[in-house]
Amino acid sequence: MEISTAATALETFINADLTQTLSRIESSLRGATLDKCSSAVETFGAGNNVLAAASVIKQLAGQINVVIHALGILICLPQLLEPGEIVDYVSLGAGNTGRMFDLETNRRIAEFKFINWQGGSETIRQNALFKDFYLMAEHDTAKKKFLYVLGTEYPLRFLNGGRALSSVLSRNVSLHTDFVNRFGAQYIIVRDYFLSRRDTVVVQDISQFLPDLKNSVED
């Protein structure tokens, strides 16, 4: 099924408001017999074609974060690169696809985090942000290091905050092991480590390059 066909089928079934549509169906089925249940499928357009359409859209939605990551980097590149700077590699897919960072040039290494921070309890996002910062901070290179984010308020609040490193690293065994092997119990909270490395990695806001993405991305 083509995406446009799937989208049309779902739009027809949803009928502007999914909650209201489902409520109408629920009401119509109260006390229903076999015959009425069968007719309801046709009346409300709840056939196998709509289920197939939902499956197509679900599969597509699972790739949206990868698309956002790729397009975000591609749009930012012309704004970030300096005259004479040469791209060694760029990693556009999920994760780093075998490469250490999202971007490496002859002058910089960089990671991109297209996260619309909400300011609440965002432990998984914080964990991912710390991982990227840490891996760049400890990477042995003379190149500049950049962590590009959509707004610096919440990322810097976390990095300057008092969350325990044992919590931040708890879900990544290999990262936790590497950190402990390097530093033992030298650092207890995120701020302790960040203050010792803040001059090695530039945390830079790139939201001005992506106005349509700011305030809409959740991951």
N, C-alpha and C. Protein backbone atom coordinates (compact mmCIF):
# COMPACT_ATOMS: atom_id res chain seq x y z
N MET A 1 0.84 -1.20 0.00
CA MET A 1 0.00 0.00 0.00
C MET A 1 0.87 1.25 0.00
N GLU A 2 0.57 2.20 -0.88
CA GLU A 2 1.32 3.44 -0.93
C GLU A 2 1.01 4.30 0.29
N ILE A 3 1.98 5.13 0.66
CA ILE A 3 1.83 5.96 1.85
C ILE A 3 0.64 6.89 1.72
N SER A 4 0.46 7.49 0.54
CA SER A 4 -0.66 8.42 0.36
C SER A 4 -2.00 7.71 0.51
N THR A 5 -2.10 6.48 0.00
CA THR A 5 -3.32 5.70 0.13
C THR A 5 -3.59 5.35 1.59
N ALA A 6 -2.51 4.96 2.29
CA ALA A 6 -2.64 4.62 3.71
C ALA A 6 -3.09 5.83 4.53
N ALA A 7 -2.51 6.97 4.24
CA ALA A 7 -2.85 8.19 4.98
C ALA A 7 -4.31 8.56 4.74
N THR A 8 -4.78 8.43 3.52
CA THR A 8 -6.18 8.76 3.20
C THR A 8 -7.13 7.82 3.92
N ALA A 9 -6.82 6.53 3.94
CA ALA A 9 -7.67 5.55 4.60
C ALA A 9 -7.77 5.83 6.09
N LEU A 10 -6.65 6.17 6.71
CA LEU A 10 -6.66 6.47 8.14
C LEU A 10 -7.41 7.77 8.43
N GLU A 11 -7.20 8.74 7.57
CA GLU A 11 -7.88 10.04 7.77
C GLU A 11 -9.39 9.86 7.68
N THR A 12 -9.84 9.03 6.75
CA THR A 12 -11.27 8.77 6.59
C THR A 12 -11.85 8.10 7.82
N PHE A 13 -11.11 7.13 8.36
CA PHE A 13 -11.59 6.41 9.54
C PHE A 13 -11.60 7.31 10.76
N ILE A 14 -10.52 8.05 10.97
CA ILE A 14 -10.42 8.92 12.14
C ILE A 14 -11.49 10.00 12.13
N ASN A 15 -11.76 10.56 10.92
CA ASN A 15 -12.84 11.55 10.77
C ASN A 15 -12.63 12.75 11.67
N ALA A 16 -11.46 13.35 11.59
CA ALA A 16 -11.10 14.60 12.30
C ALA A 16 -10.73 14.39 13.76
N ASP A 17 -11.44 13.53 14.48
CA ASP A 17 -11.17 13.35 15.91
C ASP A 17 -11.31 11.88 16.25
N LEU A 18 -10.20 11.21 16.50
CA LEU A 18 -10.21 9.77 16.77
C LEU A 18 -11.00 9.44 18.03
N THR A 19 -10.83 10.24 19.07
CA THR A 19 -11.53 9.97 20.33
C THR A 19 -13.04 9.99 20.12
N GLN A 20 -13.54 10.99 19.41
CA GLN A 20 -14.98 11.07 19.16
C GLN A 20 -15.45 9.93 18.27
N THR A 21 -14.64 9.57 17.28
CA THR A 21 -15.00 8.46 16.40
C THR A 21 -15.13 7.16 17.18
N LEU A 22 -14.15 6.87 18.01
CA LEU A 22 -14.20 5.64 18.80
C LEU A 22 -15.36 5.66 19.79
N SER A 23 -15.64 6.84 20.33
CA SER A 23 -16.77 6.96 21.26
C SER A 23 -18.09 6.64 20.56
N ARG A 24 -18.25 7.13 19.32
CA ARG A 24 -19.47 6.84 18.56
C ARG A 24 -19.59 5.35 18.26
N ILE A 25 -18.47 4.73 17.91
CA ILE A 25 -18.50 3.29 17.63
C ILE A 25 -18.86 2.51 18.89
N GLU A 26 -18.25 2.87 20.00
CA GLU A 26 -18.54 2.19 21.27
C GLU A 26 -20.01 2.29 21.61
N SER A 27 -20.59 3.48 21.43
CA SER A 27 -22.01 3.69 21.75
C SER A 27 -22.90 2.86 20.84
N SER A 28 -22.55 2.79 19.57
CA SER A 28 -23.38 2.06 18.61
C SER A 28 -23.35 0.55 18.86
N LEU A 29 -22.28 0.08 19.48
CA LEU A 29 -22.13 -1.37 19.71
C LEU A 29 -22.70 -1.83 21.04
N ARG A 30 -23.15 -0.87 21.84
CA ARG A 30 -23.73 -1.26 23.12
C ARG A 30 -24.99 -2.09 22.88
N GLY A 31 -25.01 -3.32 23.35
CA GLY A 31 -26.14 -4.21 23.16
C GLY A 31 -26.23 -4.82 21.78
N ALA A 32 -25.14 -4.75 21.02
CA ALA A 32 -25.16 -5.21 19.63
C ALA A 32 -25.19 -6.73 19.53
N THR A 33 -25.83 -7.21 18.47
CA THR A 33 -25.84 -8.63 18.13
C THR A 33 -24.77 -8.89 17.07
N LEU A 34 -24.67 -10.14 16.66
CA LEU A 34 -23.70 -10.51 15.64
C LEU A 34 -23.90 -9.70 14.36
N ASP A 35 -25.17 -9.60 13.92
CA ASP A 35 -25.45 -8.88 12.68
C ASP A 35 -25.05 -7.41 12.78
N LYS A 36 -25.33 -6.80 13.92
CA LYS A 36 -25.02 -5.38 14.07
C LYS A 36 -23.51 -5.15 14.13
N CYS A 37 -22.79 -6.07 14.77
CA CYS A 37 -21.33 -5.95 14.81
C CYS A 37 -20.75 -6.01 13.40
N SER A 38 -21.29 -6.89 12.60
CA SER A 38 -20.81 -7.03 11.23
C SER A 38 -21.10 -5.78 10.41
N SER A 39 -22.29 -5.22 10.58
CA SER A 39 -22.66 -4.03 9.82
C SER A 39 -21.88 -2.81 10.27
N ALA A 40 -21.48 -2.80 11.56
CA ALA A 40 -20.73 -1.66 12.09
C ALA A 40 -19.38 -1.52 11.41
N VAL A 41 -18.78 -2.65 11.05
CA VAL A 41 -17.49 -2.62 10.36
C VAL A 41 -17.61 -1.83 9.07
N GLU A 42 -18.69 -2.08 8.33
CA GLU A 42 -18.90 -1.37 7.06
C GLU A 42 -19.32 0.07 7.31
N THR A 43 -20.20 0.27 8.28
CA THR A 43 -20.72 1.62 8.55
C THR A 43 -19.61 2.60 8.93
N PHE A 44 -18.71 2.15 9.76
CA PHE A 44 -17.65 3.04 10.25
C PHE A 44 -16.33 2.90 9.47
N GLY A 45 -16.35 2.11 8.41
CA GLY A 45 -15.14 1.98 7.60
C GLY A 45 -13.99 1.35 8.34
N ALA A 46 -14.31 0.37 9.20
CA ALA A 46 -13.27 -0.25 10.04
C ALA A 46 -12.83 -1.59 9.45
N GLY A 47 -12.48 -1.58 8.19
CA GLY A 47 -12.11 -2.82 7.51
C GLY A 47 -10.64 -3.15 7.58
N ASN A 48 -10.29 -4.26 6.97
CA ASN A 48 -8.90 -4.72 6.95
C ASN A 48 -7.99 -3.73 6.23
N ASN A 49 -8.55 -2.99 5.28
CA ASN A 49 -7.73 -2.03 4.55
C ASN A 49 -7.24 -0.90 5.47
N VAL A 50 -8.07 -0.52 6.44
CA VAL A 50 -7.66 0.52 7.39
C VAL A 50 -6.60 -0.03 8.34
N LEU A 51 -6.76 -1.28 8.74
CA LEU A 51 -5.76 -1.91 9.60
C LEU A 51 -4.43 -1.99 8.87
N ALA A 52 -4.48 -2.36 7.60
CA ALA A 52 -3.25 -2.42 6.80
C ALA A 52 -2.63 -1.03 6.67
N ALA A 53 -3.48 -0.01 6.51
CA ALA A 53 -3.00 1.36 6.41
C ALA A 53 -2.29 1.79 7.69
N ALA A 54 -2.88 1.43 8.83
CA ALA A 54 -2.28 1.77 10.11
C ALA A 54 -0.92 1.10 10.27
N SER A 55 -0.81 -0.13 9.77
CA SER A 55 0.45 -0.86 9.85
C SER A 55 1.53 -0.17 9.01
N VAL A 56 1.16 0.32 7.83
CA VAL A 56 2.11 1.01 6.96
C VAL A 56 2.62 2.28 7.64
N ILE A 57 1.68 3.06 8.20
CA ILE A 57 2.06 4.32 8.86
C ILE A 57 2.91 4.05 10.09
N LYS A 58 2.61 2.98 10.82
CA LYS A 58 3.39 2.64 12.01
C LYS A 58 4.83 2.32 11.63
N GLN A 59 5.01 1.56 10.56
CA GLN A 59 6.37 1.24 10.12
C GLN A 59 7.12 2.50 9.70
N LEU A 60 6.43 3.40 9.03
CA LEU A 60 7.04 4.65 8.61
C LEU A 60 7.41 5.50 9.82
N ALA A 61 6.50 5.56 10.79
CA ALA A 61 6.74 6.38 11.99
C ALA A 61 7.97 5.91 12.76
N GLY A 62 8.24 4.61 12.69
CA GLY A 62 9.41 4.08 13.37
C GLY A 62 10.72 4.58 12.80
N GLN A 63 10.67 5.14 11.59
CA GLN A 63 11.87 5.66 10.95
C GLN A 63 11.98 7.18 11.01
N ILE A 64 10.97 7.83 11.58
CA ILE A 64 10.93 9.29 11.57
C ILE A 64 12.11 9.90 12.30
N ASN A 65 12.48 9.35 13.47
CA ASN A 65 13.60 9.91 14.22
C ASN A 65 14.90 9.84 13.42
N VAL A 66 15.07 8.76 12.65
CA VAL A 66 16.26 8.64 11.82
C VAL A 66 16.24 9.70 10.72
N VAL A 67 15.06 9.91 10.13
CA VAL A 67 14.92 10.93 9.08
C VAL A 67 15.24 12.31 9.64
N ILE A 68 14.70 12.62 10.82
CA ILE A 68 14.95 13.92 11.45
C ILE A 68 16.44 14.10 11.72
N HIS A 69 17.07 13.06 12.23
CA HIS A 69 18.50 13.13 12.53
C HIS A 69 19.31 13.42 11.26
N ALA A 70 18.98 12.69 10.20
CA ALA A 70 19.71 12.85 8.94
C ALA A 70 19.50 14.23 8.34
N LEU A 71 18.25 14.65 8.24
CA LEU A 71 17.94 15.94 7.63
C LEU A 71 18.48 17.09 8.48
N GLY A 72 18.39 16.95 9.80
CA GLY A 72 18.90 17.99 10.67
C GLY A 72 20.38 18.24 10.45
N ILE A 73 21.14 17.16 10.35
CA ILE A 73 22.58 17.29 10.12
C ILE A 73 22.84 17.92 8.75
N LEU A 74 22.15 17.42 7.73
CA LEU A 74 22.38 17.91 6.37
C LEU A 74 22.07 19.39 6.24
N ILE A 75 21.01 19.85 6.90
CA ILE A 75 20.64 21.26 6.84
C ILE A 75 21.64 22.13 7.61
N CYS A 76 22.16 21.59 8.71
CA CYS A 76 23.10 22.36 9.53
C CYS A 76 24.50 22.46 8.93
N LEU A 77 24.91 21.45 8.20
CA LEU A 77 26.28 21.41 7.71
C LEU A 77 26.73 22.69 7.00
N PRO A 78 25.96 23.21 6.04
CA PRO A 78 26.42 24.42 5.36
C PRO A 78 26.53 25.63 6.29
N GLN A 79 25.79 25.59 7.41
CA GLN A 79 25.82 26.69 8.36
C GLN A 79 27.01 26.58 9.33
N LEU A 80 27.50 25.36 9.51
CA LEU A 80 28.53 25.12 10.53
C LEU A 80 29.95 25.07 9.98
N LEU A 81 30.10 24.54 8.78
CA LEU A 81 31.44 24.36 8.24
C LEU A 81 32.10 25.70 7.90
N GLU A 82 33.39 25.74 8.10
CA GLU A 82 34.17 26.94 7.82
C GLU A 82 34.80 26.82 6.43
N PRO A 83 35.16 27.94 5.83
CA PRO A 83 35.87 27.88 4.54
C PRO A 83 37.12 27.02 4.65
N GLY A 84 37.28 26.10 3.72
CA GLY A 84 38.44 25.23 3.72
C GLY A 84 38.28 23.98 4.58
N GLU A 85 37.20 23.89 5.34
CA GLU A 85 36.99 22.70 6.18
C GLU A 85 36.50 21.56 5.30
N ILE A 86 37.02 20.36 5.56
CA ILE A 86 36.73 19.19 4.74
C ILE A 86 36.09 18.10 5.59
N VAL A 87 34.98 17.55 5.12
CA VAL A 87 34.30 16.48 5.83
C VAL A 87 35.06 15.16 5.65
N ASP A 88 35.48 14.56 6.77
CA ASP A 88 36.09 13.23 6.72
C ASP A 88 35.00 12.17 6.60
N TYR A 89 33.95 12.32 7.41
CA TYR A 89 32.77 11.45 7.31
C TYR A 89 31.61 12.11 8.04
N VAL A 90 30.40 11.70 7.66
CA VAL A 90 29.20 12.11 8.37
C VAL A 90 28.35 10.86 8.54
N SER A 91 27.79 10.68 9.73
CA SER A 91 26.99 9.51 10.05
C SER A 91 25.53 9.94 10.19
N LEU A 92 24.71 9.57 9.22
CA LEU A 92 23.33 10.06 9.18
C LEU A 92 22.31 9.07 9.72
N GLY A 93 22.67 7.80 9.83
CA GLY A 93 21.72 6.79 10.24
C GLY A 93 21.55 6.71 11.74
N ALA A 94 20.81 5.68 12.18
CA ALA A 94 20.59 5.45 13.61
C ALA A 94 21.91 5.08 14.26
N GLY A 95 22.18 5.67 15.44
CA GLY A 95 23.46 5.45 16.08
C GLY A 95 24.56 6.07 15.24
N ASN A 96 25.76 5.54 15.35
CA ASN A 96 26.87 6.08 14.56
C ASN A 96 27.35 5.13 13.48
N THR A 97 26.60 4.06 13.27
CA THR A 97 26.86 3.09 12.18
C THR A 97 28.33 2.75 12.05
N GLY A 98 28.96 2.45 13.18
CA GLY A 98 30.36 2.05 13.16
C GLY A 98 31.33 3.19 13.25
N ARG A 99 30.86 4.42 13.14
CA ARG A 99 31.73 5.59 13.25
C ARG A 99 31.63 6.16 14.66
N MET A 100 32.66 6.83 15.09
CA MET A 100 32.70 7.28 16.47
C MET A 100 31.73 8.41 16.75
N PHE A 101 31.56 9.32 15.76
CA PHE A 101 30.75 10.50 15.99
C PHE A 101 29.82 10.76 14.81
N ASP A 102 28.90 11.70 14.97
CA ASP A 102 27.99 12.04 13.88
C ASP A 102 28.74 12.74 12.75
N LEU A 103 29.77 13.49 13.11
CA LEU A 103 30.51 14.25 12.11
C LEU A 103 31.97 14.35 12.50
N GLU A 104 32.83 14.16 11.53
CA GLU A 104 34.24 14.46 11.74
C GLU A 104 34.76 15.14 10.48
N THR A 105 35.46 16.24 10.69
CA THR A 105 36.10 16.96 9.59
C THR A 105 37.59 17.06 9.90
N ASN A 106 38.29 17.79 9.06
CA ASN A 106 39.71 17.99 9.34
C ASN A 106 39.94 18.98 10.48
N ARG A 107 38.80 19.55 11.00
CA ARG A 107 38.94 20.54 12.07
C ARG A 107 38.12 20.23 13.32
N ARG A 108 37.12 19.36 13.20
CA ARG A 108 36.24 19.16 14.35
C ARG A 108 35.66 17.75 14.39
N ILE A 109 35.20 17.37 15.59
CA ILE A 109 34.32 16.22 15.75
C ILE A 109 33.03 16.77 16.37
N ALA A 110 31.91 16.11 16.10
CA ALA A 110 30.64 16.66 16.58
C ALA A 110 29.59 15.58 16.75
N GLU A 111 28.71 15.84 17.71
CA GLU A 111 27.50 15.04 17.90
C GLU A 111 26.30 15.99 17.83
N PHE A 112 25.19 15.49 17.28
CA PHE A 112 23.96 16.28 17.16
C PHE A 112 22.86 15.62 18.00
N LYS A 113 22.19 16.43 18.82
CA LYS A 113 21.07 15.92 19.63
C LYS A 113 19.84 16.77 19.29
N PHE A 114 18.94 16.21 18.48
CA PHE A 114 17.74 16.93 18.09
C PHE A 114 16.61 16.61 19.07
N ILE A 115 16.76 17.11 20.28
CA ILE A 115 15.82 16.84 21.36
C ILE A 115 15.12 18.13 21.75
N ASN A 116 13.80 18.08 21.86
CA ASN A 116 13.06 19.21 22.38
C ASN A 116 12.89 19.00 23.88
N TRP A 117 13.83 19.54 24.64
CA TRP A 117 13.83 19.33 26.09
C TRP A 117 12.60 19.97 26.73
N GLN A 118 11.99 19.24 27.68
CA GLN A 118 10.79 19.72 28.35
C GLN A 118 11.09 20.30 29.73
N GLY A 119 12.24 19.97 30.30
CA GLY A 119 12.60 20.51 31.60
C GLY A 119 12.15 19.67 32.78
N GLY A 120 11.51 18.53 32.51
CA GLY A 120 11.08 17.65 33.59
C GLY A 120 12.10 16.54 33.82
N SER A 121 11.59 15.40 34.28
CA SER A 121 12.45 14.25 34.50
C SER A 121 12.70 13.56 33.16
N GLU A 122 13.87 13.74 32.61
CA GLU A 122 14.20 13.22 31.28
C GLU A 122 15.46 12.39 31.36
N THR A 123 15.41 11.37 32.18
CA THR A 123 16.61 10.62 32.50
C THR A 123 17.24 9.94 31.29
N ILE A 124 16.43 9.38 30.40
CA ILE A 124 16.98 8.67 29.25
C ILE A 124 17.70 9.66 28.32
N ARG A 125 17.08 10.82 28.10
CA ARG A 125 17.71 11.84 27.27
C ARG A 125 18.98 12.37 27.92
N GLN A 126 18.92 12.56 29.22
CA GLN A 126 20.11 13.02 29.94
C GLN A 126 21.24 12.00 29.83
N ASN A 127 20.90 10.74 29.97
CA ASN A 127 21.91 9.69 29.85
C ASN A 127 22.59 9.73 28.48
N ALA A 128 21.79 9.90 27.43
CA ALA A 128 22.33 9.94 26.07
C ALA A 128 23.20 11.19 25.87
N LEU A 129 22.76 12.30 26.43
CA LEU A 129 23.54 13.54 26.31
C LEU A 129 24.89 13.39 27.01
N PHE A 130 24.87 12.82 28.22
CA PHE A 130 26.12 12.64 28.96
C PHE A 130 27.06 11.71 28.20
N LYS A 131 26.54 10.64 27.64
CA LYS A 131 27.37 9.71 26.89
C LYS A 131 28.09 10.42 25.77
N ASP A 132 27.35 11.22 24.98
CA ASP A 132 27.96 11.93 23.86
C ASP A 132 29.03 12.91 24.34
N PHE A 133 28.71 13.64 25.41
CA PHE A 133 29.68 14.60 25.95
C PHE A 133 30.93 13.89 26.43
N TYR A 134 30.75 12.82 27.16
CA TYR A 134 31.87 12.07 27.73
C TYR A 134 32.77 11.49 26.64
N LEU A 135 32.17 10.84 25.65
CA LEU A 135 32.98 10.20 24.61
C LEU A 135 33.79 11.22 23.82
N MET A 136 33.24 12.40 23.60
CA MET A 136 34.00 13.44 22.91
C MET A 136 35.06 14.04 23.83
N ALA A 137 34.69 14.29 25.08
CA ALA A 137 35.63 14.89 26.02
C ALA A 137 36.87 14.04 26.20
N GLU A 138 36.70 12.72 26.20
CA GLU A 138 37.83 11.81 26.44
C GLU A 138 38.52 11.36 25.17
N HIS A 139 37.97 11.76 24.03
CA HIS A 139 38.59 11.35 22.76
C HIS A 139 39.89 12.13 22.54
N ASP A 140 40.93 11.41 22.22
CA ASP A 140 42.26 12.01 22.06
C ASP A 140 42.40 12.59 20.66
N THR A 141 42.21 13.88 20.56
CA THR A 141 42.34 14.57 19.28
C THR A 141 42.62 16.04 19.54
N ALA A 142 43.31 16.65 18.59
CA ALA A 142 43.55 18.10 18.68
C ALA A 142 42.43 18.89 18.02
N LYS A 143 41.48 18.19 17.40
CA LYS A 143 40.38 18.87 16.73
C LYS A 143 39.40 19.48 17.75
N LYS A 144 38.66 20.49 17.32
CA LYS A 144 37.63 21.08 18.16
C LYS A 144 36.50 20.07 18.34
N LYS A 145 35.81 20.17 19.48
CA LYS A 145 34.74 19.23 19.80
C LYS A 145 33.44 20.01 20.05
N PHE A 146 32.36 19.57 19.37
CA PHE A 146 31.10 20.27 19.48
C PHE A 146 29.96 19.29 19.79
N LEU A 147 29.11 19.69 20.72
CA LEU A 147 27.87 18.98 20.99
C LEU A 147 26.74 19.93 20.62
N TYR A 148 26.08 19.66 19.50
CA TYR A 148 25.06 20.55 18.98
C TYR A 148 23.69 20.16 19.50
N VAL A 149 22.96 21.12 20.05
CA VAL A 149 21.66 20.85 20.68
C VAL A 149 20.63 21.90 20.26
N LEU A 150 19.36 21.57 20.47
CA LEU A 150 18.27 22.52 20.22
C LEU A 150 18.00 23.29 21.51
N GLY A 151 18.76 24.33 21.72
CA GLY A 151 18.64 25.10 22.95
C GLY A 151 19.58 24.55 24.00
N THR A 152 20.30 25.43 24.70
CA THR A 152 21.30 24.98 25.67
C THR A 152 20.81 25.02 27.12
N GLU A 153 19.64 25.63 27.36
CA GLU A 153 19.20 25.82 28.75
C GLU A 153 19.15 24.51 29.52
N TYR A 154 18.37 23.56 29.04
CA TYR A 154 18.20 22.33 29.79
C TYR A 154 19.41 21.39 29.73
N PRO A 155 20.07 21.27 28.58
CA PRO A 155 21.30 20.46 28.57
C PRO A 155 22.34 20.97 29.56
N LEU A 156 22.56 22.29 29.60
CA LEU A 156 23.55 22.83 30.52
C LEU A 156 23.08 22.76 31.97
N ARG A 157 21.78 22.87 32.17
CA ARG A 157 21.27 22.72 33.53
C ARG A 157 21.54 21.30 34.05
N PHE A 158 21.36 20.32 33.18
CA PHE A 158 21.67 18.94 33.57
C PHE A 158 23.16 18.76 33.81
N LEU A 159 23.97 19.22 32.87
CA LEU A 159 25.42 19.03 32.98
C LEU A 159 26.02 19.75 34.19
N ASN A 160 25.38 20.82 34.61
CA ASN A 160 25.82 21.55 35.79
C ASN A 160 25.08 21.10 37.05
N GLY A 161 24.32 20.05 36.93
CA GLY A 161 23.45 19.63 38.02
C GLY A 161 24.03 18.56 38.92
N GLY A 162 23.20 18.13 39.85
CA GLY A 162 23.67 17.23 40.90
C GLY A 162 23.21 15.79 40.77
N ARG A 163 22.80 15.39 39.55
CA ARG A 163 22.39 13.99 39.39
C ARG A 163 23.60 13.07 39.56
N ALA A 164 23.40 11.98 40.26
CA ALA A 164 24.50 11.05 40.54
C ALA A 164 24.98 10.38 39.27
N LEU A 165 26.28 10.31 39.08
CA LEU A 165 26.84 9.64 37.92
C LEU A 165 26.52 8.16 37.92
N SER A 166 26.38 7.58 39.09
CA SER A 166 26.03 6.16 39.17
C SER A 166 24.66 5.91 38.53
N SER A 167 23.76 6.90 38.65
CA SER A 167 22.45 6.80 38.02
C SER A 167 22.55 7.00 36.51
N VAL A 168 23.29 8.00 36.10
CA VAL A 168 23.44 8.31 34.68
C VAL A 168 24.04 7.14 33.91
N LEU A 169 24.99 6.45 34.53
CA LEU A 169 25.72 5.38 33.86
C LEU A 169 25.13 3.99 34.09
N SER A 170 24.08 3.91 34.89
CA SER A 170 23.59 2.61 35.34
C SER A 170 23.05 1.73 34.22
N ARG A 171 22.56 2.32 33.15
CA ARG A 171 21.95 1.53 32.08
C ARG A 171 22.91 1.21 30.94
N ASN A 172 24.14 1.66 31.06
CA ASN A 172 25.13 1.40 30.01
C ASN A 172 26.36 0.78 30.67
N VAL A 173 26.40 -0.54 30.66
CA VAL A 173 27.44 -1.26 31.38
C VAL A 173 28.84 -0.92 30.85
N SER A 174 28.99 -0.91 29.53
CA SER A 174 30.31 -0.65 28.96
C SER A 174 30.78 0.77 29.26
N LEU A 175 29.87 1.72 29.19
CA LEU A 175 30.23 3.11 29.49
C LEU A 175 30.58 3.26 30.97
N HIS A 176 29.82 2.63 31.82
CA HIS A 176 30.07 2.68 33.27
C HIS A 176 31.44 2.08 33.58
N THR A 177 31.74 0.95 32.95
CA THR A 177 33.03 0.30 33.19
C THR A 177 34.18 1.18 32.73
N ASP A 178 34.03 1.78 31.56
CA ASP A 178 35.06 2.65 31.03
C ASP A 178 35.28 3.85 31.96
N PHE A 179 34.20 4.43 32.43
CA PHE A 179 34.29 5.60 33.30
C PHE A 179 35.00 5.25 34.62
N VAL A 180 34.60 4.15 35.21
CA VAL A 180 35.21 3.74 36.48
C VAL A 180 36.68 3.39 36.30
N ASN A 181 37.01 2.73 35.21
CA ASN A 181 38.42 2.39 34.95
C ASN A 181 39.28 3.65 34.81
N ARG A 182 38.69 4.70 34.26
CA ARG A 182 39.44 5.95 34.08
C ARG A 182 39.54 6.74 35.38
N PHE A 183 38.42 6.83 36.11
CA PHE A 183 38.36 7.80 37.20
C PHE A 183 38.05 7.21 38.59
N GLY A 184 37.71 5.94 38.65
CA GLY A 184 37.37 5.36 39.94
C GLY A 184 36.21 6.12 40.57
N ALA A 185 36.39 6.57 41.81
CA ALA A 185 35.35 7.32 42.51
C ALA A 185 35.67 8.82 42.57
N GLN A 186 36.47 9.28 41.62
CA GLN A 186 36.89 10.68 41.63
C GLN A 186 35.71 11.65 41.45
N TYR A 187 34.74 11.26 40.61
CA TYR A 187 33.58 12.11 40.35
C TYR A 187 32.31 11.43 40.86
N ILE A 188 31.49 12.17 41.58
CA ILE A 188 30.29 11.60 42.18
C ILE A 188 29.03 12.04 41.44
N ILE A 189 28.96 13.30 41.09
CA ILE A 189 27.78 13.83 40.40
C ILE A 189 28.19 14.39 39.04
N VAL A 190 27.20 14.61 38.18
CA VAL A 190 27.46 15.07 36.82
C VAL A 190 28.27 16.36 36.82
N ARG A 191 27.92 17.29 37.67
CA ARG A 191 28.61 18.58 37.71
C ARG A 191 30.10 18.42 37.97
N ASP A 192 30.47 17.50 38.83
CA ASP A 192 31.89 17.29 39.15
C ASP A 192 32.69 16.99 37.88
N TYR A 193 32.14 16.08 37.07
CA TYR A 193 32.85 15.71 35.84
C TYR A 193 32.78 16.83 34.81
N PHE A 194 31.60 17.41 34.63
CA PHE A 194 31.42 18.44 33.61
C PHE A 194 32.34 19.64 33.83
N LEU A 195 32.46 20.07 35.07
CA LEU A 195 33.30 21.24 35.35
C LEU A 195 34.77 20.97 35.01
N SER A 196 35.16 19.72 35.09
CA SER A 196 36.55 19.38 34.78
C SER A 196 36.79 19.28 33.27
N ARG A 197 35.72 19.21 32.47
CA ARG A 197 35.86 19.00 31.03
C ARG A 197 35.11 20.04 30.19
N ARG A 198 34.48 21.00 30.82
CA ARG A 198 33.62 21.92 30.08
C ARG A 198 34.36 22.74 29.03
N ASP A 199 35.66 22.92 29.20
CA ASP A 199 36.42 23.70 28.23
C ASP A 199 36.88 22.87 27.04
N THR A 200 36.61 21.57 27.08
CA THR A 200 37.07 20.71 25.98
C THR A 200 35.99 20.47 24.93
N VAL A 201 34.72 20.62 25.32
CA VAL A 201 33.60 20.40 24.39
C VAL A 201 32.69 21.62 24.39
N VAL A 202 32.42 22.17 23.22
CA VAL A 202 31.51 23.31 23.09
C VAL A 202 30.09 22.80 22.95
N VAL A 203 29.22 23.17 23.88
CA VAL A 203 27.80 22.84 23.79
C VAL A 203 27.13 24.02 23.09
N GLN A 204 26.70 23.81 21.85
CA GLN A 204 26.24 24.93 21.01
C GLN A 204 24.80 24.74 20.56
N ASP A 205 24.04 25.82 20.63
CA ASP A 205 22.65 25.84 20.19
C ASP A 205 22.59 25.97 18.66
N ILE A 206 21.85 25.07 18.01
CA ILE A 206 21.71 25.14 16.55
C ILE A 206 20.25 25.35 16.15
N SER A 207 19.40 25.72 17.11
CA SER A 207 17.97 25.87 16.81
C SER A 207 17.70 26.96 15.78
N GLN A 208 18.59 27.95 15.68
CA GLN A 208 18.37 29.03 14.71
C GLN A 208 18.47 28.52 13.27
N PHE A 209 19.14 27.40 13.08
CA PHE A 209 19.25 26.82 11.74
C PHE A 209 18.06 25.92 11.41
N LEU A 210 17.29 25.55 12.44
CA LEU A 210 16.19 24.60 12.27
C LEU A 210 14.91 25.12 12.91
N PRO A 211 14.41 26.27 12.46
CA PRO A 211 13.23 26.87 13.10
C PRO A 211 11.99 26.01 13.06
N ASP A 212 11.85 25.18 12.03
CA ASP A 212 10.67 24.32 11.93
C ASP A 212 10.78 23.09 12.82
N LEU A 213 11.97 22.81 13.32
CA LEU A 213 12.18 21.63 14.16
C LEU A 213 12.05 21.97 15.63
N LYS A 214 12.45 23.17 16.03
CA LYS A 214 12.40 23.59 17.42
C LYS A 214 10.95 23.54 17.90
N ASN A 215 10.79 23.02 19.10
CA ASN A 215 9.47 22.92 19.75
C ASN A 215 8.56 21.87 19.13
N SER A 216 9.11 21.02 18.26
CA SER A 216 8.27 19.97 17.69
C SER A 216 8.89 18.60 17.87
N VAL A 217 10.20 18.52 18.06
CA VAL A 217 10.87 17.23 18.18
C VAL A 217 10.80 16.72 19.61
N GLU A 218 10.51 15.43 19.75
CA GLU A 218 10.42 14.84 21.08
C GLU A 218 11.58 13.90 21.36
N ASP A 219 12.41 13.60 20.34
CA ASP A 219 13.48 12.64 20.57
C ASP A 219 14.72 13.00 19.76
